[in-house]
C-alpha atoms as a PDB file:
ATOM      1  CA  MET A   1       4.526   5.758  22.081  1.00  0.00           C
ATOM      2  CA  ASN A   2       7.499   8.362  20.920  1.00  0.00           C
ATOM      3  CA  LEU A   3       9.275   8.881  17.967  1.00  0.00           C
ATOM      4  CA  THR A   4      11.874   6.283  17.507  1.00  0.00           C
ATOM      5  CA  GLU A   5       9.043   3.767  18.475  1.00  0.00           C
ATOM      6  CA  ARG A   6       6.882   5.152  16.172  1.00  0.00           C
ATOM      7  CA  ARG A   7       9.639   5.239  13.293  1.00  0.00           C
ATOM      8  CA  LYS A   8      10.187   1.388  14.251  1.00  0.00           C
ATOM      9  CA  ALA A   9       6.728   0.720  13.963  1.00  0.00           C
ATOM     10  CA  ALA A  10       6.229   2.116  10.444  1.00  0.00           C
ATOM     11  CA  THR A  11       9.537   0.661   9.141  1.00  0.00           C
ATOM     12  CA  GLN A  12       8.227  -2.612  10.430  1.00  0.00           C
ATOM     13  CA  LEU A  13       5.234  -2.403   8.729  1.00  0.00           C
ATOM     14  CA  GLU A  14       6.935  -1.157   5.410  1.00  0.00           C
ATOM     15  CA  ILE A  15       8.808  -4.479   5.092  1.00  0.00           C
ATOM     16  CA  ALA A  16       5.030  -6.408   6.158  1.00  0.00           C
ATOM     17  CA  ARG A  17       3.755  -5.140   2.959  1.00  0.00           C
ATOM     18  CA  ALA A  18       6.896  -5.855   1.063  1.00  0.00           C
ATOM     19  CA  ALA A  19       6.611  -9.269   2.215  1.00  0.00           C
ATOM     20  CA  ALA A  20       2.900  -9.879   2.073  1.00  0.00           C
ATOM     21  CA  ALA A  21       3.324  -8.627  -1.929  1.00  0.00           C
ATOM     22  CA  LEU A  22       6.071 -11.245  -2.579  1.00  0.00           C
ATOM     23  CA  PHE A  23       4.477 -13.754  -1.000  1.00  0.00           C
ATOM     24  CA  ALA A  24       1.527 -13.097  -2.835  1.00  0.00           C
ATOM     25  CA  GLU A  25       3.277 -12.947  -6.152  1.00  0.00           C
ATOM     26  CA  ARG A  26       6.109 -15.146  -6.185  1.00  0.00           C
ATOM     27  CA  GLY A  27       4.940 -17.980  -3.181  1.00  0.00           C
ATOM     28  CA  SER A  28       6.774 -19.235  -0.475  1.00  0.00           C
ATOM     29  CA  ASP A  29       9.586 -20.546  -1.904  1.00  0.00           C
ATOM     30  CA  GLY A  30      10.179 -17.404  -4.504  1.00  0.00           C
ATOM     31  CA  THR A  31      10.459 -15.237  -1.808  1.00  0.00           C
ATOM     32  CA  THR A  32      13.499 -14.270   0.456  1.00  0.00           C
ATOM     33  CA  ALA A  33      14.751 -11.634   3.056  1.00  0.00           C
ATOM     34  CA  GLU A  34      17.010 -10.280   0.355  1.00  0.00           C
ATOM     35  CA  ALA A  35      14.093  -9.648  -1.753  1.00  0.00           C
ATOM     36  CA  ILE A  36      11.958  -8.523   1.003  1.00  0.00           C
ATOM     37  CA  ALA A  37      14.770  -6.095   1.960  1.00  0.00           C
ATOM     38  CA  GLU A  38      15.182  -4.424  -1.624  1.00  0.00           C
ATOM     39  CA  ARG A  39      11.141  -4.119  -2.059  1.00  0.00           C
ATOM     40  CA  ALA A  40      11.004  -2.653   1.217  1.00  0.00           C
ATOM     41  CA  GLY A  41      14.032   0.114   0.989  1.00  0.00           C
ATOM     42  CA  VAL A  42      16.134  -1.225   3.664  1.00  0.00           C
ATOM     43  CA  SER A  43      19.246  -3.166   3.714  1.00  0.00           C
ATOM     44  CA  LEU A  44      19.623  -6.637   4.581  1.00  0.00           C
ATOM     45  CA  ARG A  45      20.979  -6.007   8.090  1.00  0.00           C
ATOM     46  CA  THR A  46      17.599  -3.799   8.652  1.00  0.00           C
ATOM     47  CA  PHE A  47      15.707  -6.690   7.585  1.00  0.00           C
ATOM     48  CA  TYR A  48      17.399  -8.710  10.589  1.00  0.00           C
ATOM     49  CA  ARG A  49      17.158  -6.004  12.803  1.00  0.00           C
ATOM     50  CA  TYR A  50      13.668  -6.401  13.136  1.00  0.00           C
ATOM     51  CA  PHE A  51      12.573 -10.111  11.548  1.00  0.00           C
ATOM     52  CA  ARG A  52      14.622 -13.360  12.285  1.00  0.00           C
ATOM     53  CA  THR A  53      13.103 -15.168   9.067  1.00  0.00           C
ATOM     54  CA  LYS A  54      10.801 -13.880   6.064  1.00  0.00           C
ATOM     55  CA  GLN A  55       7.914 -15.564   7.256  1.00  0.00           C
ATOM     56  CA  ASP A  56       8.037 -13.856  10.578  1.00  0.00           C
ATOM     57  CA  SER A  57       8.379 -10.104   9.083  1.00  0.00           C
ATOM     58  CA  VAL A  58       4.529 -10.784   7.610  1.00  0.00           C
ATOM     59  CA  ALA A  59       3.310 -10.424  11.112  1.00  0.00           C
ATOM     60  CA  PRO A  60       2.746  -6.980  11.282  1.00  0.00           C
ATOM     61  CA  LEU A  61       0.399  -6.386   8.968  1.00  0.00           C
ATOM     62  CA  LEU A  62      -1.296  -9.246  10.018  1.00  0.00           C
ATOM     63  CA  ALA A  63      -1.676  -8.089  13.677  1.00  0.00           C
ATOM     64  CA  PHE A  64      -2.749  -4.718  11.874  1.00  0.00           C
ATOM     65  CA  GLY A  65      -5.865  -6.607  10.495  1.00  0.00           C
ATOM     66  CA  ALA A  66      -6.487  -8.136  13.734  1.00  0.00           C
ATOM     67  CA  ARG A  67      -5.984  -4.486  15.993  1.00  0.00           C
ATOM     68  CA  ARG A  68      -8.134  -2.874  13.123  1.00  0.00           C
ATOM     69  CA  TRP A  69     -11.377  -4.826  14.426  1.00  0.00           C
ATOM     70  CA  GLN A  70     -10.859  -4.920  17.863  1.00  0.00           C
ATOM     71  CA  ASP A  71     -10.565  -1.096  17.900  1.00  0.00           C
ATOM     72  CA  LEU A  72     -13.891  -0.983  15.934  1.00  0.00           C
ATOM     73  CA  LEU A  73     -15.504  -3.382  18.456  1.00  0.00           C
ATOM     74  CA  ALA A  74     -14.403  -1.288  21.808  1.00  0.00           C
ATOM     75  CA  ALA A  75     -15.923   1.679  19.660  1.00  0.00           C
ATOM     76  CA  THR A  76     -19.410   0.160  19.622  1.00  0.00           C
ATOM     77  CA  PRO A  77     -21.760   1.942  21.651  1.00  0.00           C
ATOM     78  CA  ARG A  78     -22.236  -0.314  24.919  1.00  0.00           C
ATOM     79  CA  ASP A  79     -26.181  -0.434  24.615  1.00  0.00           C
ATOM     80  CA  ILE A  80     -25.781  -2.702  21.071  1.00  0.00           C
ATOM     81  CA  PRO A  81     -25.918  -6.499  22.199  1.00  0.00           C
ATOM     82  CA  LEU A  82     -22.142  -8.101  22.039  1.00  0.00           C
ATOM     83  CA  PRO A  83     -23.307 -10.826  19.287  1.00  0.00           C
ATOM     84  CA  ASP A  84     -24.432  -7.823  17.488  1.00  0.00           C
ATOM     85  CA  ALA A  85     -21.020  -5.384  18.072  1.00  0.00           C
ATOM     86  CA  LEU A  86     -19.276  -8.383  17.094  1.00  0.00           C
ATOM     87  CA  GLU A  87     -20.678  -8.769  13.468  1.00  0.00           C
ATOM     88  CA  GLN A  88     -20.732  -5.286  13.492  1.00  0.00           C
ATOM     89  CA  ALA A  89     -16.984  -4.572  14.246  1.00  0.00           C
ATOM     90  CA  ALA A  90     -16.176  -7.696  12.237  1.00  0.00           C
ATOM     91  CA  GLU A  91     -18.102  -6.467   8.973  1.00  0.00           C
ATOM     92  CA  SER A  92     -16.772  -2.858   9.149  1.00  0.00           C
ATOM     93  CA  ALA A  93     -13.119  -4.356   9.839  1.00  0.00           C
ATOM     94  CA  MET A  94     -13.171  -6.340   6.236  1.00  0.00           C
ATOM     95  CA  VAL A  95     -15.622  -4.092   4.195  1.00  0.00           C
ATOM     96  CA  VAL A  96     -13.655  -2.568   1.032  1.00  0.00           C
ATOM     97  CA  ARG A  97     -13.301   0.869   1.377  1.00  0.00           C
ATOM     98  CA  ASP A  98     -10.865   2.168  -1.497  1.00  0.00           C
ATOM     99  CA  GLU A  99      -7.977   0.666  -3.564  1.00  0.00           C
ATOM    100  CA  ASP A 100      -5.526   0.408  -0.557  1.00  0.00           C
ATOM    101  CA  ASP A 101      -7.965  -1.896   0.608  1.00  0.00           C
ATOM    102  CA  VAL A 102      -8.779  -4.396  -2.400  1.00  0.00           C
ATOM    103  CA  GLU A 103      -4.231  -4.453  -2.443  1.00  0.00           C
ATOM    104  CA  SER A 104      -4.502  -5.495   0.941  1.00  0.00           C
ATOM    105  CA  PHE A 105      -7.133  -8.546   0.510  1.00  0.00           C
ATOM    106  CA  GLY A 106      -4.760  -9.658  -2.751  1.00  0.00           C
ATOM    107  CA  TRP A 107      -1.864  -9.628  -0.267  1.00  0.00           C
ATOM    108  CA  THR A 108      -3.828 -11.893   2.289  1.00  0.00           C
ATOM    109  CA  ARG A 109      -4.938 -13.919   0.360  1.00  0.00           C
ATOM    110  CA  GLY A 110      -1.822 -14.689  -1.487  1.00  0.00           C
ATOM    111  CA  LEU A 111      -0.419 -15.079   1.943  1.00  0.00           C
ATOM    112  CA  LEU A 112      -2.445 -17.371   3.200  1.00  0.00           C
ATOM    113  CA  ARG A 113      -2.376 -19.593   0.103  1.00  0.00           C
ATOM    114  CA  ALA A 114       1.241 -19.111   0.349  1.00  0.00           C
ATOM    115  CA  ALA A 115       1.071 -20.596   3.815  1.00  0.00           C
ATOM    116  CA  ALA A 116      -0.563 -23.210   3.050  1.00  0.00           C
ATOM    117  CA  GLY A 117       2.781 -25.024   1.633  1.00  0.00           C
ATOM    118  CA  ASP A 118       5.013 -23.334   4.658  1.00  0.00           C
ATOM    119  CA  PRO A 119       4.505 -24.485   7.902  1.00  0.00           C
ATOM    120  CA  ALA A 120       6.963 -21.765   9.241  1.00  0.00           C
ATOM    121  CA  LEU A 121       4.352 -18.578   7.467  1.00  0.00           C
ATOM    122  CA  LEU A 122       1.584 -20.767   9.252  1.00  0.00           C
ATOM    123  CA  ALA A 123       2.493 -20.470  12.565  1.00  0.00           C
ATOM    124  CA  VAL A 124       3.280 -17.265  12.318  1.00  0.00           C
ATOM    125  CA  TRP A 125      -0.351 -16.454  10.880  1.00  0.00           C
ATOM    126  CA  ALA A 126      -1.496 -18.766  13.747  1.00  0.00           C
ATOM    127  CA  ASN A 127       0.592 -16.600  16.642  1.00  0.00           C
ATOM    128  CA  VAL A 128      -1.312 -13.682  15.507  1.00  0.00           C
ATOM    129  CA  ASN A 129      -4.928 -15.371  15.890  1.00  0.00           C
ATOM    130  CA  GLN A 130      -3.603 -16.604  19.457  1.00  0.00           C
ATOM    131  CA  VAL A 131      -2.754 -13.259  20.459  1.00  0.00           C
ATOM    132  CA  SER A 132      -5.391 -11.572  18.887  1.00  0.00           C
ATOM    133  CA  GLU A 133      -7.892 -14.234  20.900  1.00  0.00           C
ATOM    134  CA  GLN A 134      -5.419 -13.348  24.626  1.00  0.00           C
ATOM    135  CA  GLN A 135      -6.153  -9.248  23.883  1.00  0.00           C
ATOM    136  CA  LEU A 136      -9.677  -9.878  22.926  1.00  0.00           C
ATOM    137  CA  VAL A 137     -10.197 -11.147  26.786  1.00  0.00           C
ATOM    138  CA  PRO A 138      -9.846  -8.169  28.462  1.00  0.00           C
ATOM    139  CA  LEU A 139     -11.960  -5.952  25.939  1.00  0.00           C
ATOM    140  CA  LEU A 140     -14.991  -8.246  26.717  1.00  0.00           C
ATOM    141  CA  ALA A 141     -14.266  -8.498  30.096  1.00  0.00           C
ATOM    142  CA  GLU A 142     -14.435  -4.970  30.220  1.00  0.00           C
ATOM    143  CA  ARG A 143     -17.864  -4.991  27.626  1.00  0.00           C
ATOM    144  CA  ALA A 144     -19.517  -7.649  30.264  1.00  0.00           C
ATOM    145  CA  ALA A 145     -18.974  -5.258  33.049  1.00  0.00           C
ATOM    146  CA  GLY A 146     -19.718  -8.405  35.642  1.00  0.00           C
ATOM    147  CA  GLY A 147     -22.114  -9.934  33.348  1.00  0.00           C
ATOM    148  CA  ALA A 148     -20.248 -13.476  32.577  1.00  0.00           C
ATOM    149  CA  ASP A 149     -17.732 -15.070  33.948  1.00  0.00           C
ATOM    150  CA  ASP A 150     -14.411 -15.636  33.096  1.00  0.00           C
ATOM    151  CA  LEU A 151     -14.742 -19.046  30.996  1.00  0.00           C
ATOM    152  CA  GLN A 152     -17.337 -17.535  29.109  1.00  0.00           C
ATOM    153  CA  ILE A 153     -15.271 -14.088  28.280  1.00  0.00           C
ATOM    154  CA  ARG A 154     -12.308 -16.558  27.473  1.00  0.00           C
ATOM    155  CA  LEU A 155     -15.074 -18.584  25.140  1.00  0.00           C
ATOM    156  CA  THR A 156     -16.297 -16.060  23.249  1.00  0.00           C
ATOM    157  CA  ALA A 157     -13.029 -14.030  22.715  1.00  0.00           C
ATOM    158  CA  ALA A 158     -12.010 -18.188  21.148  1.00  0.00           C
ATOM    159  CA  ALA A 159     -15.601 -18.246  19.287  1.00  0.00           C
ATOM    160  CA  ALA A 160     -14.932 -14.557  17.923  1.00  0.00           C
ATOM    161  CA  THR A 161     -11.626 -15.002  16.907  1.00  0.00           C
ATOM    162  CA  THR A 162     -11.890 -18.153  15.628  1.00  0.00           C
ATOM    163  CA  ALA A 163     -14.878 -17.022  13.371  1.00  0.00           C
ATOM    164  CA  ILE A 164     -12.676 -14.097  11.911  1.00  0.00           C
ATOM    165  CA  ARG A 165     -10.049 -16.663  10.851  1.00  0.00           C
ATOM    166  CA  VAL A 166     -11.738 -19.215   9.229  1.00  0.00           C
ATOM    167  CA  ALA A 167     -13.954 -16.067   7.001  1.00  0.00           C
ATOM    168  CA  VAL A 168     -10.659 -14.984   6.368  1.00  0.00           C
ATOM    169  CA  GLU A 169      -9.281 -18.842   5.630  1.00  0.00           C
ATOM    170  CA  ALA A 170     -12.575 -19.814   3.372  1.00  0.00           C
ATOM    171  CA  TRP A 171     -12.675 -16.452   1.408  1.00  0.00           C
ATOM    172  CA  ALA A 172      -8.499 -16.692   0.564  1.00  0.00           C
ATOM    173  CA  ILE A 173      -8.572 -19.979  -0.827  1.00  0.00           C
ATOM    174  CA  GLY A 174     -11.545 -19.107  -3.004  1.00  0.00           C
ATOM    175  CA  ASP A 175     -12.050 -16.898  -5.629  1.00  0.00           C
ATOM    176  CA  ALA A 176     -15.269 -14.513  -4.669  1.00  0.00           C
ATOM    177  CA  PRO A 177     -13.879 -10.725  -4.574  1.00  0.00           C
ATOM    178  CA  ALA A 178     -12.825  -8.388  -1.686  1.00  0.00           C
ATOM    179  CA  ASP A 179     -16.432  -6.728  -1.875  1.00  0.00           C
ATOM    180  CA  GLY A 180     -19.882  -8.293  -2.107  1.00  0.00           C
ATOM    181  CA  ALA A 181     -21.672 -11.787  -2.881  1.00  0.00           C
ATOM    182  CA  GLY A 182     -18.654 -14.028  -1.054  1.00  0.00           C
ATOM    183  CA  SER A 183     -16.570 -11.750   0.283  1.00  0.00           C
ATOM    184  CA  ALA A 184     -15.035 -11.920   3.388  1.00  0.00           C
ATOM    185  CA  ALA A 185     -16.644  -9.640   4.909  1.00  0.00           C
ATOM    186  CA  GLU A 186     -20.270 -11.153   4.248  1.00  0.00           C
ATOM    187  CA  LEU A 187     -18.330 -14.605   5.494  1.00  0.00           C
ATOM    188  CA  ALA A 188     -17.360 -12.861   8.854  1.00  0.00           C
ATOM    189  CA  VAL A 189     -20.697 -12.183   9.651  1.00  0.00           C
ATOM    190  CA  ARG A 190     -21.834 -15.172   8.977  1.00  0.00           C
ATOM    191  CA  CYS A 191     -19.151 -17.094  11.005  1.00  0.00           C
ATOM    192  CA  MET A 192     -19.486 -14.727  13.801  1.00  0.00           C
ATOM    193  CA  ARG A 193     -23.351 -15.369  13.874  1.00  0.00           C
ATOM    194  CA  GLU A 194     -22.922 -18.938  13.927  1.00  0.00           C
ATOM    195  CA  LEU A 195     -20.594 -18.778  16.863  1.00  0.00           C
ATOM    196  CA  THR A 196     -22.141 -16.603  18.556  1.00  0.00           C
ATOM    197  CA  ALA A 197     -25.686 -18.148  18.678  1.00  0.00           C
ATOM    198  CA  GLY A 198     -25.577 -19.113  22.509  1.00  0.00           C
ATOM    199  CA  LEU A 199     -24.950 -15.604  23.346  1.00  0.00           C
ATOM    200  CA  GLY A 200     -27.827 -13.865  24.769  1.00  0.00           C
ATOM    201  CA  ARG A 201     -28.506 -10.748  22.908  1.00  0.00           C
END
């Protein structure tokens, strides 16, 4: 990625953070593209250079979270059985390390609650999960190294992605804190364990 691409990605992520904060604070109806641009410190023209709608603007932030846990999975030693590796990566990706993580989880909760009444925002969330599932397939195929066929790999990618999605959604609609009992990390491990129970260890 060259300097121009890095700057573009940084601007998109800054806009996404501003959008997520506003959706969490004001809901979908109370959030406008103009307000997002102002919060992000960019012009409305710049906003529309990167995003078609206010809902689209949160996609980079949601995708960042998906990439985070996939990177952790890729870094997990190969001698760890796949179900355990999936659990560990999911838990590590959702553990709260600092105040920034607490803030991010607050945005995520607000976003998913806003999405319940906004089909366009819900579609962005669904698309991020679909893309995440597709990106997971080659990662799992490389890890399997011929030990599983294409159908098994695709089913595992679907199960793992669903586990993460359900865990985050279940946490978002509740009142559990970002860390500790009932957290997204705890729910992610539980969901991953349930959905990958058929995989050999």
